[in-house]
Amino acid sequence: MSALIRVEGIEVAYGDIAVLRGVSLEVREGEAVAVIGPNGAGKTTLFKAIAGMLKPRAGKILYRGARIDGLRHHEIVRRGVVYVPAERELFPQMTVLENLELGAYTNYKSRWERLKFVLGLFPRLAERREQMAGTLSGGEQQMVAVGRGLMAQPSILLLDEPSTGLAPLFVSELYRQLSRLKEGGLTILLAEQQVPHALSFTERAYVLENGAIRLFGKSKDLLGDPEIQRTYLGVA
């Protein structure tokens, strides 16, 4: 299985403060991969670097074997790499439908076909399509954020902390729909603090701490690792 995304030894800094130091990982086509770690570990910085929102000061980021670390964000989106931020960044005074349509700017002609797919995936959004996004619950807003990302027809979806602030019921529902996307062949790179969900959903995982990869392996193996259980699962 070929690597869809390959990150090779990247370093990212804010001014003089190094946030990522020599981070390497890969995501193969059709795979779901998790990046877990505490707050401040650098997960969001890593995702923004892959998405072209931050420029690494060293290292390479490759998509299908070609470097993308020198491209602008919109150029990377057009190649199929789509980032869904933890903050969701919806337009609260626009309707659900309008927010979703914004995600189709890279291929506007196919927006109705994509919209049918997204509303089929998230029926709740079909019910609320004319409702202002700012009036939705947190879980519904997350559905809009993921749906907007899907409107861009991604080859790989970068999901940054998708369960943040959600009630357990919405978290379970979200992961059910993400499982459908994975079964349909979509490649997913997931940053998550809810480690049991992340490791149960993905095939492989990387542990990011203090800006560096400390551990990586098959998700099922990490789920049973005593140190992971103690640090992230609260198992004594």
C-alpha atoms as a PDB file:
ATOM      1  CA  MET A   1       0.000   0.000   0.000  1.00  0.00           C
ATOM      2  CA  SER A   2       1.559   3.318  -1.103  1.00  0.00           C
ATOM      3  CA  ALA A   3       1.925   6.360   1.151  1.00  0.00           C
ATOM      4  CA  LEU A   4      -0.595   9.053   0.333  1.00  0.00           C
ATOM      5  CA  ILE A   5       1.001  11.501   2.788  1.00  0.00           C
ATOM      6  CA  ARG A   6       4.581  11.256   3.962  1.00  0.00           C
ATOM      7  CA  VAL A   7       6.074  13.675   6.495  1.00  0.00           C
ATOM      8  CA  GLU A   8       9.854  13.548   6.706  1.00  0.00           C
ATOM      9  CA  GLY A   9      11.657  15.159   9.624  1.00  0.00           C
ATOM     10  CA  ILE A  10       9.735  18.408   9.692  1.00  0.00           C
ATOM     11  CA  GLU A  11      10.483  21.221  12.102  1.00  0.00           C
ATOM     12  CA  VAL A  12       7.977  23.995  12.749  1.00  0.00           C
ATOM     13  CA  ALA A  13       8.479  27.001  14.997  1.00  0.00           C
ATOM     14  CA  TYR A  14       6.559  30.078  16.086  1.00  0.00           C
ATOM     15  CA  GLY A  15       9.289  32.679  16.113  1.00  0.00           C
ATOM     16  CA  ASP A  16      12.132  31.233  18.171  1.00  0.00           C
ATOM     17  CA  ILE A  17       9.925  28.642  19.851  1.00  0.00           C
ATOM     18  CA  ALA A  18      10.234  25.187  18.268  1.00  0.00           C
ATOM     19  CA  VAL A  19       6.909  23.330  18.272  1.00  0.00           C
ATOM     20  CA  LEU A  20       7.710  20.326  16.072  1.00  0.00           C
ATOM     21  CA  ARG A  21      11.166  18.761  16.054  1.00  0.00           C
ATOM     22  CA  GLY A  22      12.034  16.171  13.448  1.00  0.00           C
ATOM     23  CA  VAL A  23       8.521  14.723  13.088  1.00  0.00           C
ATOM     24  CA  SER A  24       8.081  11.918  10.553  1.00  0.00           C
ATOM     25  CA  LEU A  25       4.967   9.897   9.759  1.00  0.00           C
ATOM     26  CA  GLU A  26       3.080   8.420   6.853  1.00  0.00           C
ATOM     27  CA  VAL A  27      -0.515   7.697   5.964  1.00  0.00           C
ATOM     28  CA  ARG A  28      -1.201   5.054   3.344  1.00  0.00           C
ATOM     29  CA  GLU A  29      -4.048   5.216   0.894  1.00  0.00           C
ATOM     30  CA  GLY A  30      -7.328   3.956   2.358  1.00  0.00           C
ATOM     31  CA  GLU A  31      -5.939   3.935   5.888  1.00  0.00           C
ATOM     32  CA  ALA A  32      -7.109   5.631   9.101  1.00  0.00           C
ATOM     33  CA  VAL A  33      -4.221   6.843  11.282  1.00  0.00           C
ATOM     34  CA  ALA A  34      -4.342   8.590  14.669  1.00  0.00           C
ATOM     35  CA  VAL A  35      -2.047  11.138  16.240  1.00  0.00           C
ATOM     36  CA  ILE A  36      -2.546  11.166  20.012  1.00  0.00           C
ATOM     37  CA  GLY A  37      -0.899  13.197  22.720  1.00  0.00           C
ATOM     38  CA  PRO A  38      -1.547  15.788  25.419  1.00  0.00           C
ATOM     39  CA  ASN A  39      -2.557  19.406  24.894  1.00  0.00           C
ATOM     40  CA  GLY A  40       0.367  21.408  23.574  1.00  0.00           C
ATOM     41  CA  ALA A  41       2.092  18.386  22.058  1.00  0.00           C
ATOM     42  CA  GLY A  42       1.975  19.918  18.559  1.00  0.00           C
ATOM     43  CA  LYS A  43      -0.894  17.979  16.967  1.00  0.00           C
ATOM     44  CA  THR A  44      -2.631  21.036  15.510  1.00  0.00           C
ATOM     45  CA  THR A  45       0.678  22.498  14.342  1.00  0.00           C
ATOM     46  CA  LEU A  46       1.433  19.233  12.530  1.00  0.00           C
ATOM     47  CA  PHE A  47      -1.943  19.233  10.785  1.00  0.00           C
ATOM     48  CA  LYS A  48      -1.654  22.888   9.787  1.00  0.00           C
ATOM     49  CA  ALA A  49       1.789  22.223   8.326  1.00  0.00           C
ATOM     50  CA  ILE A  50       0.437  19.330   6.233  1.00  0.00           C
ATOM     51  CA  ALA A  51      -2.475  21.532   5.104  1.00  0.00           C
ATOM     52  CA  GLY A  52      -0.172  24.360   3.999  1.00  0.00           C
ATOM     53  CA  MET A  53      -1.239  26.783   6.722  1.00  0.00           C
ATOM     54  CA  LEU A  54       2.220  26.758   8.341  1.00  0.00           C
ATOM     55  CA  LYS A  55       5.552  26.425   6.570  1.00  0.00           C
ATOM     56  CA  PRO A  56       8.115  24.021   8.042  1.00  0.00           C
ATOM     57  CA  ARG A  57      11.594  25.456   8.505  1.00  0.00           C
ATOM     58  CA  ALA A  58      13.083  22.037   7.789  1.00  0.00           C
ATOM     59  CA  GLY A  59      11.992  18.663   6.447  1.00  0.00           C
ATOM     60  CA  LYS A  60       9.587  17.599   3.692  1.00  0.00           C
ATOM     61  CA  ILE A  61       5.879  16.903   3.264  1.00  0.00           C
ATOM     62  CA  LEU A  62       4.950  14.751   0.280  1.00  0.00           C
ATOM     63  CA  TYR A  63       1.568  13.941  -1.226  1.00  0.00           C
ATOM     64  CA  ARG A  64       1.565  11.005  -3.655  1.00  0.00           C
ATOM     65  CA  GLY A  65       5.351  11.317  -3.774  1.00  0.00           C
ATOM     66  CA  ALA A  66       5.450  15.030  -4.705  1.00  0.00           C
ATOM     67  CA  ARG A  67       6.457  17.773  -2.283  1.00  0.00           C
ATOM     68  CA  ILE A  68       3.648  20.052  -1.132  1.00  0.00           C
ATOM     69  CA  ASP A  69       5.343  21.894   1.745  1.00  0.00           C
ATOM     70  CA  GLY A  70       5.963  24.900  -0.509  1.00  0.00           C
ATOM     71  CA  LEU A  71       2.349  25.187  -1.705  1.00  0.00           C
ATOM     72  CA  ARG A  72      -0.385  27.493  -0.440  1.00  0.00           C
ATOM     73  CA  HIS A  73      -3.315  26.091   1.516  1.00  0.00           C
ATOM     74  CA  HIS A  74      -5.842  26.399  -1.332  1.00  0.00           C
ATOM     75  CA  GLU A  75      -3.443  24.640  -3.716  1.00  0.00           C
ATOM     76  CA  ILE A  76      -3.160  21.726  -1.292  1.00  0.00           C
ATOM     77  CA  VAL A  77      -6.950  21.556  -0.916  1.00  0.00           C
ATOM     78  CA  ARG A  78      -7.256  21.306  -4.704  1.00  0.00           C
ATOM     79  CA  ARG A  79      -4.958  18.275  -4.600  1.00  0.00           C
ATOM     80  CA  GLY A  80      -7.334  16.555  -2.172  1.00  0.00           C
ATOM     81  CA  VAL A  81      -5.823  17.271   1.246  1.00  0.00           C
ATOM     82  CA  VAL A  82      -8.593  18.787   3.392  1.00  0.00           C
ATOM     83  CA  TYR A  83      -8.202  20.022   6.970  1.00  0.00           C
ATOM     84  CA  VAL A  84     -11.123  20.208   9.438  1.00  0.00           C
ATOM     85  CA  PRO A  85     -10.031  22.364  12.413  1.00  0.00           C
ATOM     86  CA  ALA A  86     -10.999  21.692  16.009  1.00  0.00           C
ATOM     87  CA  GLU A  87     -12.525  25.190  16.196  1.00  0.00           C
ATOM     88  CA  ARG A  88     -14.895  24.279  13.286  1.00  0.00           C
ATOM     89  CA  GLU A  89     -14.729  27.876  11.996  1.00  0.00           C
ATOM     90  CA  LEU A  90     -18.289  27.983  10.677  1.00  0.00           C
ATOM     91  CA  PHE A  91     -20.065  31.146   9.570  1.00  0.00           C
ATOM     92  CA  PRO A  92     -22.715  31.441  12.316  1.00  0.00           C
ATOM     93  CA  GLN A  93     -24.987  33.869  10.436  1.00  0.00           C
ATOM     94  CA  MET A  94     -25.142  31.633   7.379  1.00  0.00           C
ATOM     95  CA  THR A  95     -27.369  28.587   6.991  1.00  0.00           C
ATOM     96  CA  VAL A  96     -26.194  25.006   7.211  1.00  0.00           C
ATOM     97  CA  LEU A  97     -26.629  24.701   3.444  1.00  0.00           C
ATOM     98  CA  GLU A  98     -24.588  27.850   2.764  1.00  0.00           C
ATOM     99  CA  ASN A  99     -21.778  26.670   5.035  1.00  0.00           C
ATOM    100  CA  LEU A 100     -21.690  23.325   3.268  1.00  0.00           C
ATOM    101  CA  GLU A 101     -21.653  24.900  -0.179  1.00  0.00           C
ATOM    102  CA  LEU A 102     -18.572  26.919   0.768  1.00  0.00           C
ATOM    103  CA  GLY A 103     -16.649  23.657   0.998  1.00  0.00           C
ATOM    104  CA  ALA A 104     -17.259  22.955  -2.686  1.00  0.00           C
ATOM    105  CA  TYR A 105     -15.288  25.940  -3.982  1.00  0.00           C
ATOM    106  CA  THR A 106     -12.635  23.687  -5.518  1.00  0.00           C
ATOM    107  CA  ASN A 107     -15.220  21.908  -7.688  1.00  0.00           C
ATOM    108  CA  TYR A 108     -18.400  23.946  -7.625  1.00  0.00           C
ATOM    109  CA  LYS A 109     -20.038  22.157 -10.552  1.00  0.00           C
ATOM    110  CA  SER A 110     -20.326  18.914  -8.581  1.00  0.00           C
ATOM    111  CA  ARG A 111     -21.698  20.566  -5.419  1.00  0.00           C
ATOM    112  CA  TRP A 112     -25.224  19.126  -5.658  1.00  0.00           C
ATOM    113  CA  GLU A 113     -23.933  15.570  -6.000  1.00  0.00           C
ATOM    114  CA  ARG A 114     -21.613  16.135  -3.025  1.00  0.00           C
ATOM    115  CA  LEU A 115     -24.394  17.771  -1.029  1.00  0.00           C
ATOM    116  CA  LYS A 116     -26.646  14.761  -1.553  1.00  0.00           C
ATOM    117  CA  PHE A 117     -23.855  12.541  -0.225  1.00  0.00           C
ATOM    118  CA  VAL A 118     -23.205  14.721   2.852  1.00  0.00           C
ATOM    119  CA  LEU A 119     -26.883  15.069   3.770  1.00  0.00           C
ATOM    120  CA  GLY A 120     -27.286  11.313   3.368  1.00  0.00           C
ATOM    121  CA  LEU A 121     -24.365  10.795   5.744  1.00  0.00           C
ATOM    122  CA  PHE A 122     -25.710  13.316   8.275  1.00  0.00           C
ATOM    123  CA  PRO A 123     -29.551  13.243   8.034  1.00  0.00           C
ATOM    124  CA  ARG A 124     -29.762  15.693  10.937  1.00  0.00           C
ATOM    125  CA  LEU A 125     -28.205  18.339   8.694  1.00  0.00           C
ATOM    126  CA  ALA A 126     -30.847  17.699   6.039  1.00  0.00           C
ATOM    127  CA  GLU A 127     -33.476  18.539   8.655  1.00  0.00           C
ATOM    128  CA  ARG A 128     -31.620  21.749   9.580  1.00  0.00           C
ATOM    129  CA  ARG A 129     -30.371  22.821   6.173  1.00  0.00           C
ATOM    130  CA  GLU A 130     -32.067  26.260   6.374  1.00  0.00           C
ATOM    131  CA  GLN A 131     -31.139  26.848  10.028  1.00  0.00           C
ATOM    132  CA  MET A 132     -28.398  29.318  10.957  1.00  0.00           C
ATOM    133  CA  ALA A 133     -25.210  27.421  11.806  1.00  0.00           C
ATOM    134  CA  GLY A 134     -24.684  29.471  14.967  1.00  0.00           C
ATOM    135  CA  THR A 135     -27.921  28.120  16.470  1.00  0.00           C
ATOM    136  CA  LEU A 136     -26.915  24.456  16.171  1.00  0.00           C
ATOM    137  CA  SER A 137     -25.677  22.293  19.015  1.00  0.00           C
ATOM    138  CA  GLY A 138     -21.964  21.545  19.261  1.00  0.00           C
ATOM    139  CA  GLY A 139     -22.445  18.085  17.787  1.00  0.00           C
ATOM    140  CA  GLU A 140     -24.460  19.428  14.870  1.00  0.00           C
ATOM    141  CA  GLN A 141     -21.839  22.095  14.211  1.00  0.00           C
ATOM    142  CA  GLN A 142     -19.172  19.409  14.083  1.00  0.00           C
ATOM    143  CA  MET A 143     -21.255  17.544  11.517  1.00  0.00           C
ATOM    144  CA  VAL A 144     -21.377  20.724   9.420  1.00  0.00           C
ATOM    145  CA  ALA A 145     -17.587  21.145   9.732  1.00  0.00           C
ATOM    146  CA  VAL A 146     -16.919  17.569   8.632  1.00  0.00           C
ATOM    147  CA  GLY A 147     -19.570  17.841   5.922  1.00  0.00           C
ATOM    148  CA  ARG A 148     -18.019  21.044   4.583  1.00  0.00           C
ATOM    149  CA  GLY A 149     -14.681  19.245   4.361  1.00  0.00           C
ATOM    150  CA  LEU A 150     -16.291  16.387   2.452  1.00  0.00           C
ATOM    151  CA  MET A 151     -17.770  18.854  -0.036  1.00  0.00           C
ATOM    152  CA  ALA A 152     -14.215  19.428  -1.322  1.00  0.00           C
ATOM    153  CA  GLN A 153     -14.002  15.763  -2.413  1.00  0.00           C
ATOM    154  CA  PRO A 154     -10.925  14.978  -0.322  1.00  0.00           C
ATOM    155  CA  SER A 155      -8.503  12.147  -0.927  1.00  0.00           C
ATOM    156  CA  ILE A 156      -7.430  12.516   2.689  1.00  0.00           C
ATOM    157  CA  LEU A 157      -9.318  14.197   5.526  1.00  0.00           C
ATOM    158  CA  LEU A 158      -7.292  15.723   8.371  1.00  0.00           C
ATOM    159  CA  LEU A 159      -9.574  15.761  11.419  1.00  0.00           C
ATOM    160  CA  ASP A 160      -8.258  17.838  14.311  1.00  0.00           C
ATOM    161  CA  GLU A 161      -9.830  16.883  17.664  1.00  0.00           C
ATOM    162  CA  PRO A 162     -13.315  16.189  16.210  1.00  0.00           C
ATOM    163  CA  SER A 163     -14.811  15.171  19.585  1.00  0.00           C
ATOM    164  CA  THR A 164     -13.855  18.401  21.382  1.00  0.00           C
ATOM    165  CA  GLY A 165     -16.754  19.698  23.478  1.00  0.00           C
ATOM    166  CA  LEU A 166     -19.210  17.042  22.318  1.00  0.00           C
ATOM    167  CA  ALA A 167     -21.577  15.029  24.468  1.00  0.00           C
ATOM    168  CA  PRO A 168     -20.829  11.270  24.501  1.00  0.00           C
ATOM    169  CA  LEU A 169     -23.882  10.537  22.343  1.00  0.00           C
ATOM    170  CA  PHE A 170     -22.656  12.877  19.602  1.00  0.00           C
ATOM    171  CA  VAL A 171     -19.124  11.465  19.827  1.00  0.00           C
ATOM    172  CA  SER A 172     -20.448   7.947  19.227  1.00  0.00           C
ATOM    173  CA  GLU A 173     -22.623   9.147  16.346  1.00  0.00           C
ATOM    174  CA  LEU A 174     -19.711  11.036  14.782  1.00  0.00           C
ATOM    175  CA  TYR A 175     -17.450   7.990  14.897  1.00  0.00           C
ATOM    176  CA  ARG A 176     -20.191   5.823  13.374  1.00  0.00           C
ATOM    177  CA  GLN A 177     -20.303   8.141  10.377  1.00  0.00           C
ATOM    178  CA  LEU A 178     -16.509   8.351  10.177  1.00  0.00           C
ATOM    179  CA  SER A 179     -16.465   4.545  10.076  1.00  0.00           C
ATOM    180  CA  ARG A 180     -18.796   4.672   7.076  1.00  0.00           C
ATOM    181  CA  LEU A 181     -16.409   7.062   5.341  1.00  0.00           C
ATOM    182  CA  LYS A 182     -13.457   4.795   6.097  1.00  0.00           C
ATOM    183  CA  GLU A 183     -15.328   1.751   4.798  1.00  0.00           C
ATOM    184  CA  GLY A 184     -15.996   3.762   1.636  1.00  0.00           C
ATOM    185  CA  GLY A 185     -12.263   4.124   1.089  1.00  0.00           C
ATOM    186  CA  LEU A 186     -11.581   7.636   2.403  1.00  0.00           C
ATOM    187  CA  THR A 187      -8.127   8.095   3.931  1.00  0.00           C
ATOM    188  CA  ILE A 188      -8.259   9.776   7.360  1.00  0.00           C
ATOM    189  CA  LEU A 189      -5.599  11.304   9.602  1.00  0.00           C
ATOM    190  CA  LEU A 190      -7.080  11.974  13.017  1.00  0.00           C
ATOM    191  CA  ALA A 191      -5.782  13.990  15.969  1.00  0.00           C
ATOM    192  CA  GLU A 192      -7.696  13.120  19.101  1.00  0.00           C
ATOM    193  CA  GLN A 193      -7.560  13.330  22.889  1.00  0.00           C
ATOM    194  CA  GLN A 194     -10.278  10.717  23.363  1.00  0.00           C
ATOM    195  CA  VAL A 195      -7.718   7.973  22.977  1.00  0.00           C
ATOM    196  CA  PRO A 196     -10.036   4.913  23.201  1.00  0.00           C
ATOM    197  CA  HIS A 197     -12.123   6.230  20.282  1.00  0.00           C
ATOM    198  CA  ALA A 198      -9.019   7.118  18.268  1.00  0.00           C
ATOM    199  CA  LEU A 199      -7.280   3.774  18.747  1.00  0.00           C
ATOM    200  CA  SER A 200     -10.444   1.746  18.188  1.00  0.00           C
ATOM    201  CA  PHE A 201     -11.160   3.623  14.932  1.00  0.00           C
ATOM    202  CA  THR A 202      -7.702   3.589  13.334  1.00  0.00           C
ATOM    203  CA  GLU A 203      -5.255   0.964  12.067  1.00  0.00           C
ATOM    204  CA  ARG A 204      -2.081   2.734  13.197  1.00  0.00           C
ATOM    205  CA  ALA A 205      -1.207   5.545  15.577  1.00  0.00           C
ATOM    206  CA  TYR A 206       1.591   7.922  16.520  1.00  0.00           C
ATOM    207  CA  VAL A 207       2.129   9.342  20.009  1.00  0.00           C
ATOM    208  CA  LEU A 208       3.265  12.963  19.826  1.00  0.00           C
ATOM    209  CA  GLU A 209       4.758  14.505  22.952  1.00  0.00           C
ATOM    210  CA  ASN A 210       6.694  17.765  23.306  1.00  0.00           C
ATOM    211  CA  GLY A 211       6.839  18.203  19.554  1.00  0.00           C
ATOM    212  CA  ALA A 212       8.352  14.802  18.742  1.00  0.00           C
ATOM    213  CA  ILE A 213       7.069  11.322  17.907  1.00  0.00           C
ATOM    214  CA  ARG A 214       7.701   9.238  21.010  1.00  0.00           C
ATOM    215  CA  LEU A 215       5.971   6.022  20.004  1.00  0.00           C
ATOM    216  CA  PHE A 216       4.156   4.546  17.025  1.00  0.00           C
ATOM    217  CA  GLY A 217       2.660   1.259  15.973  1.00  0.00           C
ATOM    218  CA  LYS A 218      -0.561  -0.617  15.336  1.00  0.00           C
ATOM    219  CA  SER A 219      -3.472   0.974  17.187  1.00  0.00           C
ATOM    220  CA  LYS A 220      -4.580  -2.304  18.728  1.00  0.00           C
ATOM    221  CA  ASP A 221      -1.093  -2.824  20.154  1.00  0.00           C
ATOM    222  CA  LEU A 222      -0.938   0.698  21.569  1.00  0.00           C
ATOM    223  CA  LEU A 223      -4.384   0.247  23.109  1.00  0.00           C
ATOM    224  CA  GLY A 224      -2.959  -2.635  25.132  1.00  0.00           C
ATOM    225  CA  ASP A 225       0.331  -0.916  25.984  1.00  0.00           C
ATOM    226  CA  PRO A 226       0.618  -0.441  29.791  1.00  0.00           C
ATOM    227  CA  GLU A 227       2.211   2.995  29.443  1.00  0.00           C
ATOM    228  CA  ILE A 228      -0.500   4.210  27.056  1.00  0.00           C
ATOM    229  CA  GLN A 229      -3.159   2.807  29.382  1.00  0.00           C
ATOM    230  CA  ARG A 230      -1.620   4.537  32.372  1.00  0.00           C
ATOM    231  CA  THR A 231      -0.960   7.894  30.675  1.00  0.00           C
ATOM    232  CA  TYR A 232      -4.000   8.275  28.426  1.00  0.00           C
ATOM    233  CA  LEU A 233      -6.643   5.822  29.624  1.00  0.00           C
ATOM    234  CA  GLY A 234      -6.383   6.323  33.385  1.00  0.00           C
ATOM    235  CA  VAL A 235      -5.633   2.652  34.033  1.00  0.00           C
ATOM    236  CA  ALA A 236      -3.523   2.208  37.156  1.00  0.00           C
END
